[in-house]
Amino acid sequence: MYRIIIKSIMENRIGVIKKDSTLLELSSIAAKSPNKILAVINDSDKIVGIINYNELLTNILKNIAKKDSKNILEKEVSSFMNKKLIIAHPEDDITVAFDIMKENKIDYLIIINNDNYPIGIINIYDIIENIVKIRMRNMNLAISEIEKKSSMEKDKVIKKLMKEIDSLHAQSTIDPLTGLFNVRYFNKIIEEEVERAKRYKYSISIIFMDLDHFKDINDIYGHDCGNVVLHEIGRILSNTSDNINTLRKSDIAIRYGGEEFIVICPNTKKEQAYILAERIRKTVEKKRFSYESNIINVTVSVGIAEHKGTSKKPIADTIKNADSAMYEAKHLGRNKVILH
């Protein structure tokens, strides 16, 4: 049953680039192609890594001031590729790959042919969605059998089904590392919040956060340490860290991607969101993140933008404005909150 999923949801078009190509060549390819996920191949056309162009571009822009831009653009893409990947053939059982992706926090599954050449790509959330559909269909079949059972057996089956439904829902909307909602949930809920703001004529504020010098943490202490930091940030934003309540019950915290986080603040003007964002910033600044025998200090740069209920502009503009304000905070020295 799960062996037919890969062929049905695989995106056939995937960017491919040689490992000795330069970043300048990569930029040229990405500018002409809609494929922002590129498989890196060696001289034998076998996949050796993966590059998420958007993440790569963000990292380059953040660090461009520290380095000579010409030298960066002349570097080989193999220096920037992520070797942590998982591959599968079109006829493979998707659940095997899915379990490995969850365990290793890998977002993309690369599909290869019999020559190990990349022919397609699948996002983990598309895998989740299809697995959920199959499991839900199986549960519906199980529900049809409930009436044949005794009352005690019915209760057991129903409880088991409800538990599995809750688990499947969590898998599709929760980021496993931080425990916060993921970007998939954000894309769904933000439009609902906009409609509610329009109906009741109030403002939504968007808080856009980015951890400062996070790449340095990964480079110095390793990615496991970076994961510890992200996990603790998730605890801070979900009010489960050291009994400190940084957010209100109405606020919705999202891991937007990498070390970026968004907080949706319904019925909140930007001045009110500023107070909340300052509380988050100070909480992160004061916290001592521990990894093995190391104590690590972390700060965040934060941007805020307000979307009024009467506005006819898309919420995407507000998100972009909050992102721009966050980058302004970076340019002004980091560890700051800036209002758009």
Protein backbone atom coordinates (compact mmCIF):
# COMPACT_ATOMS: atom_id res chain seq x y z
CA MET A 1 0.00 0.00 0.00
CA TYR A 2 2.77 2.42 0.95
CA ARG A 3 4.91 1.42 -2.05
CA ILE A 4 2.75 3.35 -4.52
CA ILE A 5 3.06 6.70 -2.73
CA ILE A 6 6.48 7.72 -4.06
CA LYS A 7 5.47 7.55 -7.72
CA SER A 8 2.23 9.45 -7.09
CA ILE A 9 3.65 12.44 -5.18
CA MET A 10 7.19 12.71 -6.56
CA GLU A 11 8.02 16.00 -8.24
CA ASN A 12 9.88 14.97 -11.37
CA ARG A 13 11.76 18.20 -11.83
CA ILE A 14 14.79 18.57 -9.59
CA GLY A 15 17.80 20.80 -10.05
CA VAL A 16 21.12 19.01 -10.50
CA ILE A 17 24.57 20.56 -10.19
CA LYS A 18 28.13 19.20 -10.26
CA LYS A 19 29.98 19.31 -6.94
CA ASP A 20 32.89 21.29 -8.40
CA SER A 21 30.60 24.05 -9.74
CA THR A 22 31.00 27.47 -8.15
CA LEU A 23 28.41 29.42 -6.19
CA LEU A 24 28.31 31.89 -9.08
CA GLU A 25 27.29 29.07 -11.44
CA LEU A 26 24.73 27.88 -8.88
CA SER A 27 23.22 31.37 -8.71
CA SER A 28 22.90 31.44 -12.48
CA ILE A 29 21.13 28.06 -12.51
CA ALA A 30 18.78 28.98 -9.66
CA ALA A 31 17.84 32.28 -11.31
CA LYS A 32 16.66 30.47 -14.45
CA SER A 33 15.02 27.48 -12.77
CA PRO A 34 12.05 27.11 -10.39
CA ASN A 35 13.90 24.25 -8.67
CA LYS A 36 15.33 25.67 -5.46
CA ILE A 37 16.35 22.27 -4.11
CA LEU A 38 19.36 21.00 -6.02
CA ALA A 39 21.00 17.60 -5.92
CA VAL A 40 24.82 17.74 -5.98
CA ILE A 41 26.40 15.01 -8.09
CA ASN A 42 29.98 13.85 -8.61
CA ASP A 43 31.78 13.08 -11.88
CA SER A 44 30.06 9.69 -11.99
CA ASP A 45 26.63 11.38 -11.80
CA LYS A 46 25.98 9.91 -8.36
CA ILE A 47 24.33 12.11 -5.73
CA VAL A 48 26.68 13.21 -2.95
CA GLY A 49 24.72 16.01 -1.29
CA ILE A 50 21.84 18.47 -1.46
CA ILE A 51 21.54 22.26 -1.50
CA ASN A 52 18.50 24.25 -0.44
CA TYR A 53 19.17 27.40 -2.46
CA ASN A 54 16.98 29.67 -0.32
CA GLU A 55 18.71 28.58 2.89
CA LEU A 56 22.10 28.91 1.22
CA LEU A 57 21.32 32.43 0.00
CA THR A 58 20.15 33.49 3.46
CA ASN A 59 23.35 32.22 5.07
CA ILE A 60 25.49 33.99 2.47
CA LEU A 61 23.66 37.28 2.96
CA LYS A 62 24.00 37.05 6.74
CA ASN A 63 27.74 36.47 6.54
CA ILE A 64 28.59 38.58 3.49
CA ALA A 65 29.91 41.45 5.62
CA LYS A 66 32.50 39.20 7.24
CA LYS A 67 33.99 37.82 4.03
CA ASP A 68 35.07 38.86 0.58
CA SER A 69 32.03 38.36 -1.66
CA LYS A 70 34.13 37.51 -4.72
CA ASN A 71 35.89 34.66 -2.91
CA ILE A 72 32.55 33.31 -1.68
CA LEU A 73 31.10 33.24 -5.18
CA GLU A 74 34.15 31.40 -6.49
CA LYS A 75 33.89 28.63 -3.90
CA GLU A 76 32.74 25.18 -4.98
CA VAL A 77 29.17 24.23 -4.06
CA SER A 78 30.51 21.08 -2.38
CA SER A 79 31.68 23.35 0.46
CA PHE A 80 28.09 24.37 1.16
CA MET A 81 26.10 21.22 0.43
CA ASN A 82 24.32 19.24 3.10
CA LYS A 83 25.63 15.68 3.14
CA LYS A 84 22.83 14.66 5.50
CA LEU A 85 20.30 13.33 3.03
CA ILE A 86 18.14 10.32 2.36
CA ILE A 87 17.47 8.76 -1.01
CA ALA A 88 14.98 6.19 -2.28
CA HIS A 89 13.88 4.48 -5.47
CA PRO A 90 10.38 5.04 -6.90
CA GLU A 91 9.29 1.53 -5.92
CA ASP A 92 10.51 1.71 -2.29
CA ASP A 93 8.26 1.57 0.79
CA ILE A 94 7.79 5.23 1.79
CA THR A 95 7.33 4.45 5.49
CA VAL A 96 10.94 3.26 5.80
CA ALA A 97 12.28 6.52 4.37
CA PHE A 98 9.76 8.53 6.41
CA ASP A 99 10.91 7.06 9.74
CA ILE A 100 14.55 7.88 8.91
CA MET A 101 13.59 11.42 7.86
CA LYS A 102 11.75 12.04 11.14
CA GLU A 103 14.56 10.61 13.24
CA ASN A 104 17.26 12.65 11.48
CA LYS A 105 15.10 15.77 10.91
CA ILE A 106 15.50 15.68 7.11
CA ASP A 107 12.96 17.67 5.09
CA TYR A 108 13.46 16.25 1.61
CA LEU A 109 13.57 12.76 0.11
CA ILE A 110 15.63 12.48 -3.09
CA ILE A 111 14.38 9.91 -5.60
CA ILE A 112 17.03 8.19 -7.72
CA ASN A 113 16.96 5.77 -10.64
CA ASN A 114 18.89 2.50 -10.90
CA ASP A 115 22.02 4.44 -11.87
CA ASN A 116 21.80 6.47 -8.63
CA TYR A 117 21.00 9.62 -10.65
CA PRO A 118 18.46 12.00 -9.02
CA ILE A 119 15.13 12.06 -10.87
CA GLY A 120 12.76 13.60 -8.35
CA ILE A 121 12.13 15.03 -4.90
CA ILE A 122 9.47 14.78 -2.18
CA ASN A 123 8.86 17.13 0.75
CA ILE A 124 8.37 15.40 4.11
CA TYR A 125 5.03 17.18 4.61
CA ASP A 126 3.68 15.67 1.40
CA ILE A 127 4.73 12.27 2.71
CA ILE A 128 2.97 12.93 6.02
CA GLU A 129 -0.20 14.03 4.24
CA ASN A 130 -0.38 10.87 2.15
CA ILE A 131 0.47 8.54 5.03
CA VAL A 132 -2.21 10.26 7.10
CA LYS A 133 -4.77 9.75 4.31
CA ILE A 134 -4.02 6.04 4.09
CA ARG A 135 -4.09 5.58 7.85
CA MET A 136 -7.34 7.52 8.12
CA ARG A 137 -8.84 5.33 5.41
CA ASN A 138 -7.70 2.27 7.35
CA MET A 139 -9.26 3.71 10.50
CA ASN A 140 -12.54 4.30 8.68
CA LEU A 141 -12.52 0.63 7.73
CA ALA A 142 -11.85 -0.25 11.35
CA ILE A 143 -14.71 1.98 12.50
CA SER A 144 -17.11 0.09 10.24
CA GLU A 145 -16.19 -3.05 12.14
CA ILE A 146 -16.83 -1.55 15.57
CA GLU A 147 -20.56 -2.31 15.57
CA LYS A 148 -19.75 -6.01 15.41
CA LYS A 149 -17.87 -5.86 18.71
CA SER A 150 -18.98 -5.87 22.33
CA SER A 151 -19.31 -2.62 24.31
CA MET A 152 -15.96 -3.14 26.05
CA GLU A 153 -14.21 -3.88 22.77
CA LYS A 154 -15.84 -0.82 21.18
CA ASP A 155 -14.43 1.45 23.88
CA LYS A 156 -10.94 0.05 23.41
CA VAL A 157 -11.05 0.43 19.62
CA ILE A 158 -12.43 3.97 19.79
CA LYS A 159 -9.78 5.08 22.31
CA LYS A 160 -7.06 3.56 20.16
CA LEU A 161 -8.38 5.29 17.04
CA MET A 162 -8.64 8.66 18.79
CA LYS A 163 -5.08 8.35 20.06
CA GLU A 164 -3.83 7.56 16.55
CA ILE A 165 -5.77 10.49 15.07
CA ASP A 166 -4.18 12.85 17.61
CA SER A 167 -0.75 11.43 16.81
CA LEU A 168 -1.24 11.84 13.06
CA HIS A 169 -2.47 15.41 13.49
CA ALA A 170 0.59 16.25 15.58
CA GLN A 171 2.93 14.76 12.98
CA SER A 172 1.50 16.97 10.26
CA THR A 173 1.47 20.27 12.18
CA ILE A 174 4.17 20.11 14.89
CA ASP A 175 7.89 20.64 14.43
CA PRO A 176 9.43 17.65 16.24
CA LEU A 177 12.60 19.45 17.36
CA THR A 178 11.05 22.52 19.01
CA GLY A 179 7.54 21.28 19.76
CA LEU A 180 6.15 24.42 18.10
CA PHE A 181 3.79 24.55 15.13
CA ASN A 182 5.51 24.19 11.76
CA VAL A 183 5.32 26.33 8.63
CA ARG A 184 2.68 24.03 7.16
CA TYR A 185 0.37 24.90 10.05
CA PHE A 186 1.34 28.57 9.75
CA ASN A 187 0.25 28.69 6.10
CA LYS A 188 -3.10 27.24 7.10
CA ILE A 189 -3.82 29.26 10.24
CA ILE A 190 -2.61 32.69 9.08
CA GLU A 191 -5.41 33.13 6.55
CA GLU A 192 -7.96 32.13 9.18
CA GLU A 193 -6.53 34.75 11.54
CA VAL A 194 -6.64 37.39 8.79
CA GLU A 195 -10.31 36.62 8.10
CA ARG A 196 -11.08 36.87 11.82
CA ALA A 197 -9.26 40.21 12.06
CA LYS A 198 -11.21 41.50 9.08
CA ARG A 199 -14.52 40.36 10.57
CA TYR A 200 -13.93 41.95 13.97
CA LYS A 201 -11.87 44.87 12.66
CA TYR A 202 -8.79 44.41 14.81
CA SER A 203 -5.07 44.22 14.09
CA ILE A 204 -2.73 41.25 13.90
CA SER A 205 0.93 41.75 14.68
CA ILE A 206 3.65 39.49 13.31
CA ILE A 207 6.83 38.98 15.34
CA PHE A 208 9.68 37.67 13.18
CA MET A 209 12.69 36.32 15.10
CA ASP A 210 16.09 35.03 14.01
CA LEU A 211 18.79 33.65 16.32
CA ASP A 212 22.01 35.67 16.16
CA HIS A 213 25.22 33.97 14.99
CA PHE A 214 23.52 30.58 14.98
CA LYS A 215 25.87 29.29 12.27
CA ASP A 216 28.79 29.97 14.63
CA ILE A 217 27.16 27.79 17.29
CA ASN A 218 26.86 24.92 14.80
CA ASP A 219 30.42 25.43 13.54
CA ILE A 220 32.01 25.64 17.00
CA TYR A 221 29.99 23.16 19.04
CA GLY A 222 28.34 21.00 16.35
CA HIS A 223 24.81 20.55 15.04
CA ASP A 224 23.71 18.57 18.10
CA CYS A 225 24.39 21.66 20.18
CA GLY A 226 22.45 23.77 17.68
CA ASN A 227 19.52 21.37 18.05
CA VAL A 228 19.66 21.75 21.84
CA VAL A 229 19.47 25.53 21.45
CA LEU A 230 16.53 25.30 19.04
CA HIS A 231 14.74 22.90 21.40
CA GLU A 232 15.16 25.32 24.31
CA ILE A 233 13.95 28.25 22.22
CA GLY A 234 10.87 26.16 21.49
CA ARG A 235 10.35 25.68 25.24
CA ILE A 236 10.64 29.43 25.81
CA LEU A 237 8.07 30.16 23.11
CA SER A 238 5.71 27.48 24.40
CA ASN A 239 5.94 28.68 28.02
CA THR A 240 7.49 25.42 29.23
CA SER A 241 10.94 26.75 30.14
CA ASP A 242 11.76 27.58 33.78
CA ASN A 243 8.13 28.49 34.54
CA ILE A 244 8.50 31.71 32.54
CA ASN A 245 5.44 32.76 30.55
CA THR A 246 6.76 34.73 27.58
CA LEU A 247 3.65 34.42 25.39
CA ARG A 248 -0.06 34.90 25.96
CA LYS A 249 -2.56 32.09 25.43
CA SER A 250 -3.81 33.73 22.23
CA ASP A 251 -0.33 34.00 20.67
CA ILE A 252 0.72 31.32 18.15
CA ALA A 253 4.42 30.41 17.98
CA ILE A 254 5.81 28.89 14.78
CA ARG A 255 9.18 27.49 13.79
CA TYR A 256 9.32 29.16 10.39
CA GLY A 257 12.48 27.46 9.20
CA GLY A 258 16.05 26.85 10.38
CA GLU A 259 16.68 29.32 13.21
CA GLU A 260 13.76 31.59 12.25
CA PHE A 261 10.59 31.83 14.34
CA ILE A 262 7.32 33.68 13.93
CA VAL A 263 4.76 34.61 16.57
CA ILE A 264 1.26 35.51 15.40
CA CYS A 265 -0.34 37.96 17.83
CA PRO A 266 -4.11 38.28 17.20
CA ASN A 267 -5.93 41.44 18.31
CA THR A 268 -2.59 43.12 18.96
CA LYS A 269 -1.19 46.45 17.79
CA LYS A 270 2.51 46.64 17.01
CA GLU A 271 3.25 48.69 20.15
CA GLN A 272 1.75 45.89 22.27
CA ALA A 273 3.69 43.30 20.27
CA TYR A 274 6.87 45.27 20.95
CA ILE A 275 6.42 44.74 24.71
CA LEU A 276 5.92 41.02 24.11
CA ALA A 277 8.93 40.80 21.78
CA GLU A 278 11.15 42.59 24.31
CA ARG A 279 10.09 40.05 26.92
CA ILE A 280 11.11 37.23 24.56
CA ARG A 281 14.41 38.94 23.70
CA LYS A 282 15.35 39.49 27.35
CA THR A 283 14.36 35.95 28.30
CA VAL A 284 16.61 34.48 25.60
CA GLU A 285 19.45 36.85 26.47
CA LYS A 286 19.35 35.92 30.18
CA LYS A 287 19.06 32.17 29.65
CA ARG A 288 22.20 30.08 29.85
CA PHE A 289 22.08 27.32 27.26
CA SER A 290 24.13 24.32 28.40
CA TYR A 291 25.62 21.66 26.14
CA GLU A 292 27.92 19.03 27.60
CA SER A 293 30.33 21.14 29.68
CA ASN A 294 29.73 24.35 27.73
CA ILE A 295 27.56 27.32 28.67
CA ILE A 296 26.39 29.18 25.57
CA ASN A 297 24.90 32.65 25.37
CA VAL A 298 22.28 33.23 22.68
CA THR A 299 20.53 36.38 21.49
CA VAL A 300 17.78 37.08 18.97
CA SER A 301 17.07 39.85 16.49
CA VAL A 302 13.38 40.64 16.16
CA GLY A 303 11.23 42.52 13.67
CA ILE A 304 7.56 43.46 14.09
CA ALA A 305 4.91 44.50 11.58
CA GLU A 306 1.18 45.15 12.03
CA HIS A 307 -1.64 44.01 9.74
CA LYS A 308 -4.82 46.00 10.29
CA GLY A 309 -8.18 44.32 9.91
CA THR A 310 -9.24 47.02 7.45
CA SER A 311 -6.15 46.56 5.27
CA LYS A 312 -6.58 45.33 1.72
CA LYS A 313 -2.93 44.32 1.40
CA PRO A 314 -2.06 40.61 1.57
CA ILE A 315 -0.72 39.24 4.84
CA ALA A 316 2.41 38.21 2.89
CA ASP A 317 3.37 41.90 2.77
CA THR A 318 3.16 42.13 6.55
CA ILE A 319 5.33 39.04 6.97
CA LYS A 320 7.86 40.52 4.56
CA ASN A 321 7.83 43.80 6.50
CA ALA A 322 8.45 41.99 9.77
CA ASP A 323 11.30 40.10 8.11
CA SER A 324 12.79 43.38 6.85
CA ALA A 325 12.55 44.90 10.33
CA MET A 326 14.36 41.85 11.70
CA TYR A 327 17.21 42.36 9.21
CA GLU A 328 17.38 45.99 10.26
CA ALA A 329 17.85 44.78 13.83
CA LYS A 330 20.75 42.65 12.55
CA HIS A 331 22.37 45.61 10.83
CA LEU A 332 22.01 47.76 13.96
CA GLY A 333 24.05 45.33 16.04
CA ARG A 334 21.70 42.38 16.73
CA ASN A 335 19.90 41.53 19.98
CA LYS A 336 17.32 44.23 19.23
CA VAL A 337 13.61 44.60 18.52
CA ILE A 338 12.68 46.85 15.59
CA LEU A 339 9.20 48.04 14.59
CA HIS A 340 8.47 48.30 10.88
